[in-house]
Protein backbone atom coordinates (compact mmCIF):
# COMPACT_ATOMS: atom_id res chain seq x y z
CA MET A 1 239.36 133.18 149.57
CA ASN A 2 238.75 135.02 146.29
CA TYR A 3 238.88 138.82 146.19
CA LYS A 4 238.38 141.55 143.61
CA TYR A 5 238.92 145.27 143.45
CA HIS A 6 238.73 147.95 140.77
CA TYR A 7 240.75 151.04 139.94
CA GLN A 8 240.41 154.01 137.64
CA THR A 9 243.53 154.14 135.45
CA GLU A 10 244.91 156.20 132.57
CA ILE A 11 243.13 153.84 130.18
CA GLY A 12 239.86 153.51 132.09
CA LYS A 13 238.52 151.28 134.83
CA ILE A 14 240.25 147.93 135.40
CA TYR A 15 239.19 145.07 137.63
CA ILE A 16 241.77 142.89 139.35
CA ALA A 17 240.98 139.63 141.14
CA GLU A 18 242.96 137.02 143.02
CA ASN A 19 242.43 133.50 144.32
CA GLY A 20 244.22 134.12 147.62
CA ASN A 21 247.77 133.76 146.31
CA GLU A 22 247.86 134.67 142.65
CA ILE A 23 246.18 137.13 140.33
CA ASN A 24 243.70 135.36 138.10
CA PHE A 25 241.89 138.32 136.48
CA VAL A 26 242.87 141.73 135.13
CA THR A 27 239.99 142.86 132.98
CA PHE A 28 238.11 145.86 131.66
CA ASP A 29 234.79 144.03 132.12
CA LYS A 30 233.66 143.39 135.69
CA THR A 31 231.20 140.70 134.51
CA LYS A 32 234.14 138.41 133.69
CA ILE A 33 234.96 138.06 137.39
CA PRO A 34 232.76 135.50 139.15
CA LYS A 35 230.12 137.07 141.40
CA GLU A 36 231.24 135.13 144.47
CA TYR A 37 234.52 137.09 144.66
CA LYS A 38 234.43 139.43 147.65
CA GLU A 39 235.23 143.13 147.21
CA LEU A 40 238.49 143.81 149.06
CA GLU A 41 241.74 145.55 148.16
CA THR A 42 244.29 142.96 149.25
CA GLN A 43 248.06 143.50 149.31
CA ASN A 44 248.38 141.22 146.27
CA ILE A 45 245.76 143.14 144.29
CA LYS A 46 247.35 146.44 145.29
CA LYS A 47 250.79 145.19 144.20
CA CYS A 48 249.31 144.16 140.85
CA TYR A 49 247.69 147.57 140.41
CA ASN A 50 250.96 149.33 141.33
CA GLU A 51 252.83 147.35 138.66
CA ILE A 52 250.15 148.16 136.06
CA HIS A 53 250.24 151.82 137.09
CA GLU A 54 254.05 151.86 136.67
CA TYR A 55 253.66 150.17 133.26
CA LEU A 56 251.06 152.73 132.14
CA ASN A 57 253.42 155.53 133.21
CA ALA A 58 256.45 154.12 131.34
CA ARG A 59 258.24 153.06 134.52
CA ARG A 60 257.87 149.28 134.07
CA LYS A 61 258.31 146.92 131.13
CA THR A 62 257.97 143.56 132.87
CA PHE A 63 255.73 142.26 135.63
CA THR A 64 256.69 140.31 138.73
CA ILE A 65 253.25 139.57 140.13
CA ASN A 66 252.30 135.89 140.38
CA ILE A 67 249.48 134.98 138.02
CA ASN A 68 247.32 131.91 137.53
CA PRO A 69 244.86 132.31 134.67
CA SER A 70 242.11 129.69 134.38
CA GLY A 71 241.69 128.12 130.98
CA THR A 72 242.12 125.03 128.86
CA ALA A 73 245.53 123.47 128.32
CA PHE A 74 245.59 125.00 124.81
CA GLN A 75 244.70 128.47 126.08
CA LYS A 76 247.38 128.31 128.76
CA LYS A 77 249.93 127.27 126.13
CA VAL A 78 249.02 130.31 124.04
CA TRP A 79 249.11 132.65 127.05
CA LYS A 80 252.59 131.40 127.98
CA GLU A 81 253.74 132.34 124.48
CA LEU A 82 252.14 135.79 124.75
CA ILE A 83 254.19 136.50 127.88
CA LYS A 84 257.34 135.90 125.80
CA ILE A 85 256.54 138.73 123.36
CA PRO A 86 259.05 141.49 124.17
CA TYR A 87 257.86 144.90 125.29
CA GLY A 88 257.32 147.19 122.30
CA ASN A 89 257.07 144.33 119.79
CA THR A 90 254.13 142.79 118.00
CA VAL A 91 253.54 139.39 116.48
CA THR A 92 250.76 137.86 114.41
CA TYR A 93 248.36 135.09 115.32
CA LYS A 94 250.26 132.93 112.85
CA ASP A 95 253.55 133.65 114.66
CA ILE A 96 252.02 132.41 117.91
CA ALA A 97 250.53 129.37 116.17
CA LYS A 98 253.98 128.51 114.79
CA SER A 99 255.62 128.98 118.19
CA ILE A 100 253.25 126.47 119.79
CA GLY A 101 253.93 123.98 117.01
CA ASN A 102 250.65 124.23 115.08
CA GLU A 103 250.88 126.70 112.22
CA GLN A 104 247.27 125.94 111.21
CA ALA A 105 245.89 127.01 114.61
CA CYS A 106 245.67 130.74 113.85
CA ARG A 107 241.94 130.89 114.55
CA ALA A 108 242.28 128.89 117.75
CA VAL A 109 245.09 131.22 118.85
CA GLY A 110 242.77 134.16 118.17
CA MET A 111 240.07 132.57 120.33
CA ALA A 112 242.57 131.90 123.14
CA ASN A 113 243.66 135.54 122.89
CA ASN A 114 240.02 136.56 123.19
CA LYS A 115 239.62 134.47 126.37
CA ASN A 116 242.75 135.85 128.06
CA PRO A 117 241.62 136.68 131.62
CA ILE A 118 244.74 138.70 132.53
CA ALA A 119 244.92 141.74 130.26
CA ILE A 120 248.11 143.82 130.05
CA ILE A 121 250.23 141.37 132.09
CA VAL A 122 249.54 138.58 129.56
CA PRO A 123 250.06 140.96 126.63
CA CYS A 124 247.46 139.87 124.10
CA HIS A 125 247.47 143.51 122.92
CA ARG A 126 250.81 142.71 121.22
CA VAL A 127 249.14 140.32 118.76
CA ILE A 128 248.02 141.88 115.49
CA GLY A 129 246.56 140.72 112.18
CA LYS A 130 248.77 139.28 109.45
CA ASN A 131 248.74 142.53 107.45
CA GLY A 132 249.57 144.67 110.48
CA ASP A 133 245.98 145.60 111.32
CA LEU A 134 244.90 145.99 114.91
CA THR A 135 242.38 143.28 115.62
CA GLY A 136 239.97 142.71 118.49
CA TYR A 137 240.84 143.55 122.08
CA ALA A 138 238.68 143.09 125.19
CA GLY A 139 239.25 146.72 126.20
CA GLY A 140 238.50 147.95 122.68
CA LEU A 141 240.81 148.83 119.83
CA GLY A 142 241.37 152.34 121.24
CA ILE A 143 242.94 150.90 124.39
CA LYS A 144 244.93 148.38 122.35
CA LYS A 145 246.34 151.25 120.28
CA GLN A 146 247.14 153.25 123.45
CA LEU A 147 249.05 150.31 124.94
CA LEU A 148 251.01 149.67 121.74
CA ASP A 149 251.76 153.39 121.28
CA LEU A 150 252.98 153.56 124.90
CA GLU A 151 255.30 150.61 124.34
CA TYR A 152 256.58 151.79 120.95
CA SER A 153 257.39 155.26 122.28
CA ASN A 154 259.14 153.93 125.38
CA LYS A 155 260.78 150.83 123.92
CA SER A 156 264.31 152.18 124.24
CA LEU A 157 263.86 153.79 127.66
CA GLN A 158 265.59 152.13 130.57
CA THR A 159 263.25 151.70 133.50
CA PRO A 160 264.07 150.59 137.03
CA ASN A 161 261.81 147.60 136.40
CA ASN A 162 263.01 146.37 132.99
């Protein structure tokens, strides 16, 4: 069974959805979650929210929740690379393209970033333009800046959930 639930957070409303075992959506846009998902706060969704809440309050740097984002093989390859970006660091689209073995795929990496269905946990907010500019983010550039500022200011802090 597929379930969804929403929460008001420090950065606005987020929607979390699961496929019964794994989280497959964390989004700022409820329309990205299929309509057939039933509204229910499951233990898995609540655990995901709790980890995000800890992250937003500088008490968590890594996530333990099981995720399963739907996408193409290429998108999943990009998202796996995004998860490897350390807390408090940023990389460029070109860096990700190089890490997946296709330096010319910067645009495709950008499109995969744009389609990331699991915001925050799959940290597409850590990818910036080649000249250091903040570029598109599903939650808006203001939220992207908030997330990066949070990570930069807490990068050296030790948390119980490093």
